[in-house]
PDB file of N, CA and C in Angstrom:
ATOM      1  N   MET A   1     132.890 -26.222-109.256  1.00  0.00           N
ATOM      2  CA  MET A   1     132.696 -24.949-109.852  1.00  0.00           C
ATOM      3  C   MET A   1     134.094 -24.507-110.418  1.00  0.00           C
ATOM      4  N   SER A   2     134.104 -24.143-111.630  1.00  0.00           N
ATOM      5  CA  SER A   2     135.356 -23.747-112.419  1.00  0.00           C
ATOM      6  C   SER A   2     135.502 -22.175-112.460  1.00  0.00           C
ATOM      7  N   SER A   3     136.635 -21.617-112.271  1.00  0.00           N
ATOM      8  CA  SER A   3     136.797 -20.197-112.384  1.00  0.00           C
ATOM      9  C   SER A   3     137.536 -19.690-113.738  1.00  0.00           C
ATOM     10  N   THR A   4     137.064 -18.624-114.180  1.00  0.00           N
ATOM     11  CA  THR A   4     137.614 -18.077-115.516  1.00  0.00           C
ATOM     12  C   THR A   4     138.702 -17.166-115.142  1.00  0.00           C
ATOM     13  N   LEU A   5     139.949 -17.138-115.866  1.00  0.00           N
ATOM     14  CA  LEU A   5     140.937 -16.389-115.637  1.00  0.00           C
ATOM     15  C   LEU A   5     140.862 -15.073-116.615  1.00  0.00           C
ATOM     16  N   LEU A   6     140.547 -14.014-116.142  1.00  0.00           N
ATOM     17  CA  LEU A   6     140.505 -12.791-117.042  1.00  0.00           C
ATOM     18  C   LEU A   6     141.775 -12.163-117.419  1.00  0.00           C
ATOM     19  N   ASP A   7     142.015 -11.945-118.373  1.00  0.00           N
ATOM     20  CA  ASP A   7     143.199 -11.650-119.003  1.00  0.00           C
ATOM     21  C   ASP A   7     143.058 -10.072-119.543  1.00  0.00           C
ATOM     22  N   ILE A   8     143.273  -9.248-118.412  1.00  0.00           N
ATOM     23  CA  ILE A   8     142.910  -7.795-118.833  1.00  0.00           C
ATOM     24  C   ILE A   8     144.236  -7.153-118.573  1.00  0.00           C
ATOM     25  N   SER A   9     144.871  -6.504-119.580  1.00  0.00           N
ATOM     26  CA  SER A   9     146.223  -5.814-119.461  1.00  0.00           C
ATOM     27  C   SER A   9     146.164  -4.591-118.598  1.00  0.00           C
ATOM     28  N   PRO A  10     147.287  -4.225-117.914  1.00  0.00           N
ATOM     29  CA  PRO A  10     147.290  -3.051-117.039  1.00  0.00           C
ATOM     30  C   PRO A  10     146.738  -1.827-117.785  1.00  0.00           C
ATOM     31  N   ALA A  11     147.050  -1.610-119.162  1.00  0.00           N
ATOM     32  CA  ALA A  11     146.515  -0.584-119.927  1.00  0.00           C
ATOM     33  C   ALA A  11     145.143  -0.563-119.983  1.00  0.00           C
ATOM     34  N   ASN A  12     144.444  -1.657-120.041  1.00  0.00           N
ATOM     35  CA  ASN A  12     142.933  -1.740-120.167  1.00  0.00           C
ATOM     36  C   ASN A  12     142.407  -1.562-118.869  1.00  0.00           C
ATOM     37  N   MET A  13     143.063  -2.105-117.694  1.00  0.00           N
ATOM     38  CA  MET A  13     142.569  -1.840-116.428  1.00  0.00           C
ATOM     39  C   MET A  13     142.518  -0.417-116.160  1.00  0.00           C
ATOM     40  N   LYS A  14     143.591   0.378-116.538  1.00  0.00           N
ATOM     41  CA  LYS A  14     143.650   1.836-116.481  1.00  0.00           C
ATOM     42  C   LYS A  14     142.287   2.474-117.153  1.00  0.00           C
ATOM     43  N   ILE A  15     141.965   2.010-118.347  1.00  0.00           N
ATOM     44  CA  ILE A  15     140.722   2.359-119.031  1.00  0.00           C
ATOM     45  C   ILE A  15     139.452   2.085-118.151  1.00  0.00           C
ATOM     46  N   ILE A  16     139.409   1.003-117.679  1.00  0.00           N
ATOM     47  CA  ILE A  16     138.324   0.553-116.922  1.00  0.00           C
ATOM     48  C   ILE A  16     138.163   1.396-115.520  1.00  0.00           C
ATOM     49  N   GLN A  17     139.273   1.737-114.887  1.00  0.00           N
ATOM     50  CA  GLN A  17     139.282   2.415-113.736  1.00  0.00           C
ATOM     51  C   GLN A  17     138.912   3.989-113.970  1.00  0.00           C
ATOM     52  N   SER A  18     139.449   4.433-114.971  1.00  0.00           N
ATOM     53  CA  SER A  18     139.145   5.782-115.286  1.00  0.00           C
ATOM     54  C   SER A  18     137.663   6.087-115.663  1.00  0.00           C
ATOM     55  N   VAL A  19     136.980   4.965-116.265  1.00  0.00           N
ATOM     56  CA  VAL A  19     135.652   5.063-116.585  1.00  0.00           C
ATOM     57  C   VAL A  19     134.820   5.034-115.167  1.00  0.00           C
ATOM     58  N   LEU A  20     135.269   4.203-114.302  1.00  0.00           N
ATOM     59  CA  LEU A  20     134.666   4.067-113.073  1.00  0.00           C
ATOM     60  C   LEU A  20     134.932   5.340-112.114  1.00  0.00           C
ATOM     61  N   GLU A  21     136.076   5.896-112.169  1.00  0.00           N
ATOM     62  CA  GLU A  21     136.392   7.237-111.420  1.00  0.00           C
ATOM     63  C   GLU A  21     135.562   8.341-111.953  1.00  0.00           C
ATOM     64  N   ALA A  22     135.453   8.445-113.331  1.00  0.00           N
ATOM     65  CA  ALA A  22     134.778   9.554-113.877  1.00  0.00           C
ATOM     66  C   ALA A  22     133.182   9.585-113.668  1.00  0.00           C
ATOM     67  N   ALA A  23     132.819   8.265-113.325  1.00  0.00           N
ATOM     68  CA  ALA A  23     131.274   8.131-113.019  1.00  0.00           C
ATOM     69  C   ALA A  23     131.141   8.310-111.459  1.00  0.00           C
ATOM     70  N   GLY A  24     132.116   8.681-110.612  1.00  0.00           N
ATOM     71  CA  GLY A  24     132.282   8.936-109.343  1.00  0.00           C
ATOM     72  C   GLY A  24     132.471   7.705-108.514  1.00  0.00           C
ATOM     73  N   TYR A  25     132.753   6.468-109.028  1.00  0.00           N
ATOM     74  CA  TYR A  25     133.135   5.368-108.286  1.00  0.00           C
ATOM     75  C   TYR A  25     134.618   5.396-108.012  1.00  0.00           C
ATOM     76  N   ASP A  26     135.093   6.157-106.996  1.00  0.00           N
ATOM     77  CA  ASP A  26     136.421   6.231-106.832  1.00  0.00           C
ATOM     78  C   ASP A  26     136.629   5.950-105.365  1.00  0.00           C
ATOM     79  N   ALA A  27     138.090   6.030-104.947  1.00  0.00           N
ATOM     80  CA  ALA A  27     138.437   5.398-103.666  1.00  0.00           C
ATOM     81  C   ALA A  27     137.618   6.242-102.487  1.00  0.00           C
ATOM     82  N   SER A  28     137.543   7.716-102.694  1.00  0.00           N
ATOM     83  CA  SER A  28     136.779   8.404-101.659  1.00  0.00           C
ATOM     84  C   SER A  28     135.293   7.872-101.330  1.00  0.00           C
ATOM     85  N   GLY A  29     134.657   7.471-102.423  1.00  0.00           N
ATOM     86  CA  GLY A  29     133.317   7.006-102.317  1.00  0.00           C
ATOM     87  C   GLY A  29     133.233   5.649-101.870  1.00  0.00           C
ATOM     88  N   LEU A  30     134.182   4.802-102.148  1.00  0.00           N
ATOM     89  CA  LEU A  30     134.317   3.449-101.721  1.00  0.00           C
ATOM     90  C   LEU A  30     134.317   3.280-100.242  1.00  0.00           C
ATOM     91  N   ALA A  31     135.100   4.012 -99.484  1.00  0.00           N
ATOM     92  CA  ALA A  31     135.017   3.935 -98.206  1.00  0.00           C
ATOM     93  C   ALA A  31     133.605   4.409 -97.535  1.00  0.00           C
ATOM     94  N   GLU A  32     132.899   5.268 -98.091  1.00  0.00           N
ATOM     95  CA  GLU A  32     131.721   5.799 -97.730  1.00  0.00           C
ATOM     96  C   GLU A  32     130.490   4.734 -97.996  1.00  0.00           C
ATOM     97  N   SER A  33     130.465   4.169 -99.278  1.00  0.00           N
ATOM     98  CA  SER A  33     129.462   3.300 -99.717  1.00  0.00           C
ATOM     99  C   SER A  33     129.976   2.182-100.520  1.00  0.00           C
ATOM    100  N   PRO A  34     130.593   1.048 -99.877  1.00  0.00           N
ATOM    101  CA  PRO A  34     131.036   0.148-100.746  1.00  0.00           C
ATOM    102  C   PRO A  34     130.256  -0.743-101.725  1.00  0.00           C
ATOM    103  N   ARG A  35     128.897  -0.704-101.086  1.00  0.00           N
ATOM    104  CA  ARG A  35     127.919  -1.660-101.851  1.00  0.00           C
ATOM    105  C   ARG A  35     127.725  -1.285-103.227  1.00  0.00           C
ATOM    106  N   PHE A  36     128.079  -0.030-103.935  1.00  0.00           N
ATOM    107  CA  PHE A  36     127.808   0.165-105.165  1.00  0.00           C
ATOM    108  C   PHE A  36     128.887   0.037-106.033  1.00  0.00           C
ATOM    109  N   PHE A  37     130.097  -0.236-105.618  1.00  0.00           N
ATOM    110  CA  PHE A  37     131.318  -0.393-106.365  1.00  0.00           C
ATOM    111  C   PHE A  37     131.402  -1.685-107.028  1.00  0.00           C
ATOM    112  N   ASN A  38     131.106  -2.790-106.239  1.00  0.00           N
ATOM    113  CA  ASN A  38     131.183  -4.300-107.147  1.00  0.00           C
ATOM    114  C   ASN A  38     130.367  -4.241-108.113  1.00  0.00           C
ATOM    115  N   PRO A  39     129.047  -3.836-108.238  1.00  0.00           N
ATOM    116  CA  PRO A  39     128.151  -3.968-109.366  1.00  0.00           C
ATOM    117  C   PRO A  39     128.586  -3.189-110.577  1.00  0.00           C
ATOM    118  N   ALA A  40     129.207  -1.820-110.217  1.00  0.00           N
ATOM    119  CA  ALA A  40     129.633  -0.910-111.253  1.00  0.00           C
ATOM    120  C   ALA A  40     130.927  -1.551-111.969  1.00  0.00           C
ATOM    121  N   ALA A  41     131.970  -2.151-111.153  1.00  0.00           N
ATOM    122  CA  ALA A  41     133.081  -2.600-111.623  1.00  0.00           C
ATOM    123  C   ALA A  41     132.717  -3.823-112.398  1.00  0.00           C
ATOM    124  N   LEU A  42     131.903  -4.706-112.027  1.00  0.00           N
ATOM    125  CA  LEU A  42     131.485  -5.842-112.665  1.00  0.00           C
ATOM    126  C   LEU A  42     130.908  -5.488-113.967  1.00  0.00           C
ATOM    127  N   LEU A  43     130.095  -4.643-114.042  1.00  0.00           N
ATOM    128  CA  LEU A  43     129.403  -4.269-115.239  1.00  0.00           C
ATOM    129  C   LEU A  43     130.374  -3.666-116.409  1.00  0.00           C
ATOM    130  N   VAL A  44     131.204  -2.847-115.913  1.00  0.00           N
ATOM    131  CA  VAL A  44     132.131  -2.169-116.816  1.00  0.00           C
ATOM    132  C   VAL A  44     133.250  -3.317-117.296  1.00  0.00           C
ATOM    133  N   ILE A  45     133.705  -4.182-116.524  1.00  0.00           N
ATOM    134  CA  ILE A  45     134.506  -5.288-116.844  1.00  0.00           C
ATOM    135  C   ILE A  45     133.845  -6.145-117.920  1.00  0.00           C
ATOM    136  N   LYS A  46     132.506  -6.550-117.614  1.00  0.00           N
ATOM    137  CA  LYS A  46     131.837  -7.469-118.433  1.00  0.00           C
ATOM    138  C   LYS A  46     131.639  -6.716-119.970  1.00  0.00           C
ATOM    139  N   LEU A  47     131.166  -5.424-119.908  1.00  0.00           N
ATOM    140  CA  LEU A  47     131.064  -4.661-121.128  1.00  0.00           C
ATOM    141  C   LEU A  47     132.487  -4.567-121.938  1.00  0.00           C
ATOM    142  N   PHE A  48     133.537  -4.517-121.356  1.00  0.00           N
ATOM    143  CA  PHE A  48     134.812  -4.417-121.859  1.00  0.00           C
ATOM    144  C   PHE A  48     135.076  -5.636-122.527  1.00  0.00           C
ATOM    145  N   LEU A  49     134.977  -6.850-121.635  1.00  0.00           N
ATOM    146  CA  LEU A  49     135.223  -8.116-122.189  1.00  0.00           C
ATOM    147  C   LEU A  49     134.319  -8.665-123.531  1.00  0.00           C
ATOM    148  N   ALA A  50     133.104  -7.763-123.506  1.00  0.00           N
ATOM    149  CA  ALA A  50     132.198  -8.272-124.580  1.00  0.00           C
ATOM    150  C   ALA A  50     132.520  -7.382-125.950  1.00  0.00           C
ATOM    151  N   GLY A  51     133.564  -6.599-125.658  1.00  0.00           N
ATOM    152  CA  GLY A  51     134.015  -5.750-126.755  1.00  0.00           C
ATOM    153  C   GLY A  51     133.869  -4.370-126.842  1.00  0.00           C
ATOM    154  N   GLU A  52     133.300  -3.702-125.808  1.00  0.00           N
ATOM    155  CA  GLU A  52     133.099  -2.443-125.831  1.00  0.00           C
ATOM    156  C   GLU A  52     134.439  -1.810-125.162  1.00  0.00           C
ATOM    157  N   GLU A  53     135.257  -1.180-126.049  1.00  0.00           N
ATOM    158  CA  GLU A  53     136.667  -0.733-125.609  1.00  0.00           C
ATOM    159  C   GLU A  53     136.765   0.745-125.525  1.00  0.00           C
ATOM    160  N   SER A  54     135.803   1.538-125.831  1.00  0.00           N
ATOM    161  CA  SER A  54     135.768   2.991-125.880  1.00  0.00           C
ATOM    162  C   SER A  54     135.411   3.569-124.558  1.00  0.00           C
ATOM    163  N   ARG A  55     136.128   4.533-124.017  1.00  0.00           N
ATOM    164  CA  ARG A  55     135.835   5.047-122.718  1.00  0.00           C
ATOM    165  C   ARG A  55     134.435   5.649-122.749  1.00  0.00           C
ATOM    166  N   SER A  56     134.016   6.383-123.752  1.00  0.00           N
ATOM    167  CA  SER A  56     132.771   6.880-123.874  1.00  0.00           C
ATOM    168  C   SER A  56     131.680   5.904-123.988  1.00  0.00           C
ATOM    169  N   GLY A  57     131.806   4.806-124.775  1.00  0.00           N
ATOM    170  CA  GLY A  57     130.915   3.776-124.821  1.00  0.00           C
ATOM    171  C   GLY A  57     130.723   3.014-123.340  1.00  0.00           C
ATOM    172  N   LEU A  58     131.726   2.804-122.772  1.00  0.00           N
ATOM    173  CA  LEU A  58     131.566   2.198-121.480  1.00  0.00           C
ATOM    174  C   LEU A  58     130.952   3.156-120.327  1.00  0.00           C
ATOM    175  N   ALA A  59     131.398   4.491-120.509  1.00  0.00           N
ATOM    176  CA  ALA A  59     130.690   5.343-119.569  1.00  0.00           C
ATOM    177  C   ALA A  59     129.279   5.508-119.715  1.00  0.00           C
ATOM    178  N   ALA A  60     128.949   5.720-121.087  1.00  0.00           N
ATOM    179  CA  ALA A  60     127.474   5.896-121.291  1.00  0.00           C
ATOM    180  C   ALA A  60     126.621   4.528-120.993  1.00  0.00           C
ATOM    181  N   LYS A  61     127.183   3.330-121.228  1.00  0.00           N
ATOM    182  CA  LYS A  61     126.327   2.220-120.592  1.00  0.00           C
ATOM    183  C   LYS A  61     126.443   2.112-119.078  1.00  0.00           C
ATOM    184  N   LEU A  62     127.534   2.564-118.523  1.00  0.00           N
ATOM    185  CA  LEU A  62     127.519   2.407-117.180  1.00  0.00           C
ATOM    186  C   LEU A  62     126.538   3.461-116.514  1.00  0.00           C
ATOM    187  N   GLU A  63     126.425   4.587-117.049  1.00  0.00           N
ATOM    188  CA  GLU A  63     125.487   5.681-116.691  1.00  0.00           C
ATOM    189  C   GLU A  63     124.065   5.241-116.879  1.00  0.00           C
ATOM    190  N   HIS A  64     123.860   4.373-118.049  1.00  0.00           N
ATOM    191  CA  HIS A  64     122.372   4.065-118.263  1.00  0.00           C
ATOM    192  C   HIS A  64     122.086   3.020-117.249  1.00  0.00           C
ATOM    193  N   GLN A  65     122.942   2.083-117.011  1.00  0.00           N
ATOM    194  CA  GLN A  65     122.542   0.958-116.236  1.00  0.00           C
ATOM    195  C   GLN A  65     122.474   1.253-114.785  1.00  0.00           C
ATOM    196  N   LEU A  66     123.503   2.167-114.296  1.00  0.00           N
ATOM    197  CA  LEU A  66     123.538   2.266-112.743  1.00  0.00           C
ATOM    198  C   LEU A  66     123.574   3.713-112.391  1.00  0.00           C
ATOM    199  N   GLY A  67     123.825   4.613-113.304  1.00  0.00           N
ATOM    200  CA  GLY A  67     123.847   5.961-113.084  1.00  0.00           C
ATOM    201  C   GLY A  67     125.088   6.408-112.394  1.00  0.00           C
ATOM    202  N   LYS A  68     125.328   7.721-112.206  1.00  0.00           N
ATOM    203  CA  LYS A  68     126.524   8.146-111.633  1.00  0.00           C
ATOM    204  C   LYS A  68     126.408   7.768-109.973  1.00  0.00           C
ATOM    205  N   PHE A  69     127.660   7.646-109.397  1.00  0.00           N
ATOM    206  CA  PHE A  69     127.691   7.325-107.831  1.00  0.00           C
ATOM    207  C   PHE A  69     126.891   8.185-107.031  1.00  0.00           C
ATOM    208  N   GLY A  70     126.895   9.545-107.321  1.00  0.00           N
ATOM    209  CA  GLY A  70     126.050  10.265-106.463  1.00  0.00           C
ATOM    210  C   GLY A  70     124.625  10.118-106.604  1.00  0.00           C
ATOM    211  N   ASP A  71     124.009   9.670-107.597  1.00  0.00           N
ATOM    212  CA  ASP A  71     122.646   9.514-107.906  1.00  0.00           C
ATOM    213  C   ASP A  71     122.332   8.296-106.972  1.00  0.00           C
ATOM    214  N   ASN A  72     123.167   7.317-106.696  1.00  0.00           N
ATOM    215  CA  ASN A  72     122.511   6.218-105.826  1.00  0.00           C
ATOM    216  C   ASN A  72     122.483   6.562-104.436  1.00  0.00           C
ATOM    217  N   ARG A  73     122.962   7.658-103.946  1.00  0.00           N
ATOM    218  CA  ARG A  73     123.057   7.994-102.594  1.00  0.00           C
ATOM    219  C   ARG A  73     121.932   8.931-102.148  1.00  0.00           C
ATOM    220  N   ARG A  74     121.006   9.120-103.090  1.00  0.00           N
ATOM    221  CA  ARG A  74     119.762  10.092-102.735  1.00  0.00           C
ATOM    222  C   ARG A  74     118.980   9.490-101.622  1.00  0.00           C
ATOM    223  N   PRO A  75     118.711  10.191-100.390  1.00  0.00           N
ATOM    224  CA  PRO A  75     117.702   9.509 -99.520  1.00  0.00           C
ATOM    225  C   PRO A  75     116.468   9.343-100.037  1.00  0.00           C
ATOM    226  N   CYS A  76     115.562   8.269 -99.362  1.00  0.00           N
ATOM    227  CA  CYS A  76     114.398   8.055 -99.946  1.00  0.00           C
ATOM    228  C   CYS A  76     113.464   9.190 -99.340  1.00  0.00           C
ATOM    229  N   PRO A  77     112.541   9.729-100.260  1.00  0.00           N
ATOM    230  CA  PRO A  77     111.831  10.907 -99.684  1.00  0.00           C
ATOM    231  C   PRO A  77     110.761  10.718 -98.587  1.00  0.00           C
ATOM    232  N   SER A  78     110.295   9.485 -98.450  1.00  0.00           N
ATOM    233  CA  SER A  78     109.278   9.074 -97.431  1.00  0.00           C
ATOM    234  C   SER A  78     109.745   8.055 -96.567  1.00  0.00           C
ATOM    235  N   SER A  79     109.368   8.130 -95.311  1.00  0.00           N
ATOM    236  CA  SER A  79     109.736   7.276 -94.264  1.00  0.00           C
ATOM    237  C   SER A  79     109.046   5.990 -94.522  1.00  0.00           C
ATOM    238  N   LEU A  80     107.901   6.040 -95.265  1.00  0.00           N
ATOM    239  CA  LEU A  80     106.899   4.677 -95.480  1.00  0.00           C
ATOM    240  C   LEU A  80     107.604   3.942 -96.542  1.00  0.00           C
ATOM    241  N   ALA A  81     108.600   4.366 -97.386  1.00  0.00           N
ATOM    242  CA  ALA A  81     109.167   3.762 -98.469  1.00  0.00           C
ATOM    243  C   ALA A  81     109.644   2.333 -98.174  1.00  0.00           C
ATOM    244  N   ARG A  82     110.210   2.160 -96.814  1.00  0.00           N
ATOM    245  CA  ARG A  82     110.870   0.912 -96.534  1.00  0.00           C
ATOM    246  C   ARG A  82     109.742  -0.203 -96.189  1.00  0.00           C
ATOM    247  N   TYR A  83     108.664   0.333 -96.117  1.00  0.00           N
ATOM    248  CA  TYR A  83     107.468  -0.768 -95.786  1.00  0.00           C
ATOM    249  C   TYR A  83     106.677  -1.146 -97.178  1.00  0.00           C
ATOM    250  N   ALA A  84     107.119  -0.437 -98.399  1.00  0.00           N
ATOM    251  CA  ALA A  84     106.711  -0.939 -99.697  1.00  0.00           C
ATOM    252  C   ALA A  84     106.741  -2.543 -99.738  1.00  0.00           C
ATOM    253  N   ILE A  85     107.906  -3.139 -99.315  1.00  0.00           N
ATOM    254  CA  ILE A  85     108.084  -4.614 -99.486  1.00  0.00           C
ATOM    255  C   ILE A  85     107.576  -5.246 -98.308  1.00  0.00           C
ATOM    256  N   GLN A  86     107.905  -4.695 -97.030  1.00  0.00           N
ATOM    257  CA  GLN A  86     107.658  -5.342 -95.867  1.00  0.00           C
ATOM    258  C   GLN A  86     106.278  -5.335 -95.379  1.00  0.00           C
ATOM    259  N   GLY A  87     105.522  -4.380 -95.723  1.00  0.00           N
ATOM    260  CA  GLY A  87     104.317  -4.117 -95.207  1.00  0.00           C
ATOM    261  C   GLY A  87     104.272  -3.208 -94.069  1.00  0.00           C
ATOM    262  N   LEU A  88     103.242  -2.532 -93.794  1.00  0.00           N
ATOM    263  CA  LEU A  88     103.227  -1.542 -92.533  1.00  0.00           C
ATOM    264  C   LEU A  88     103.226  -2.377 -91.174  1.00  0.00           C
ATOM    265  N   PRO A  89     103.972  -1.969 -90.101  1.00  0.00           N
ATOM    266  CA  PRO A  89     103.664  -2.501 -88.878  1.00  0.00           C
ATOM    267  C   PRO A  89     102.190  -2.163 -88.338  1.00  0.00           C
ATOM    268  N   LEU A  90     101.695  -3.048 -87.535  1.00  0.00           N
ATOM    269  CA  LEU A  90     100.538  -3.041 -87.005  1.00  0.00           C
ATOM    270  C   LEU A  90     100.098  -1.525 -86.608  1.00  0.00           C
ATOM    271  N   GLU A  91     100.923  -1.050 -85.776  1.00  0.00           N
ATOM    272  CA  GLU A  91     100.636   0.336 -85.296  1.00  0.00           C
ATOM    273  C   GLU A  91     100.375   1.381 -86.289  1.00  0.00           C
ATOM    274  N   LEU A  92     101.087   1.205 -87.447  1.00  0.00           N
ATOM    275  CA  LEU A  92     100.881   2.226 -88.539  1.00  0.00           C
ATOM    276  C   LEU A  92      99.611   1.883 -89.492  1.00  0.00           C
ATOM    277  N   GLN A  93      99.280   0.593 -89.304  1.00  0.00           N
ATOM    278  CA  GLN A  93      98.172   0.168 -90.321  1.00  0.00           C
ATOM    279  C   GLN A  93      96.849   0.933 -90.019  1.00  0.00           C
ATOM    280  N   SER A  94      96.478   1.256 -88.737  1.00  0.00           N
ATOM    281  CA  SER A  94      95.547   2.040 -88.424  1.00  0.00           C
ATOM    282  C   SER A  94      95.476   3.397 -88.815  1.00  0.00           C
ATOM    283  N   GLN A  95      96.665   4.007 -89.146  1.00  0.00           N
ATOM    284  CA  GLN A  95      96.779   5.391 -89.467  1.00  0.00           C
ATOM    285  C   GLN A  95      96.800   5.478 -90.904  1.00  0.00           C
ATOM    286  N   HIS A  96      97.157   4.462 -91.663  1.00  0.00           N
ATOM    287  CA  HIS A  96      97.198   4.475 -93.087  1.00  0.00           C
ATOM    288  C   HIS A  96      96.305   3.418 -93.650  1.00  0.00           C
ATOM    289  N   PRO A  97      94.980   3.497 -93.571  1.00  0.00           N
ATOM    290  CA  PRO A  97      94.241   2.365 -94.161  1.00  0.00           C
ATOM    291  C   PRO A  97      94.483   2.191 -95.757  1.00  0.00           C
ATOM    292  N   ILE A  98      94.243   1.031 -96.171  1.00  0.00           N
ATOM    293  CA  ILE A  98      94.434   0.633 -97.675  1.00  0.00           C
ATOM    294  C   ILE A  98      93.214   1.115 -98.494  1.00  0.00           C
TER     295      ILE A  98
END
């Protein structure tokens, strides 16, 4: 497996970081919900390396793909949503016939 060295200057990293922070992916949220940060950072870096260098362009594509950080933390409205993939447990199947 080969690794690719990314050559991103400190000035460009500041642009990437400012786009992430503006979308809510900052240090305060990182401690609270770290699972949302890696995909967001990876997306912005990939977009930057693909040639999108404007903050507004990066921000728009990040919001389109992943949304703002606060949007990802909305609780599910129904307790039954977790069973959408798993299926209902036997004791709930009798209460909610198909």
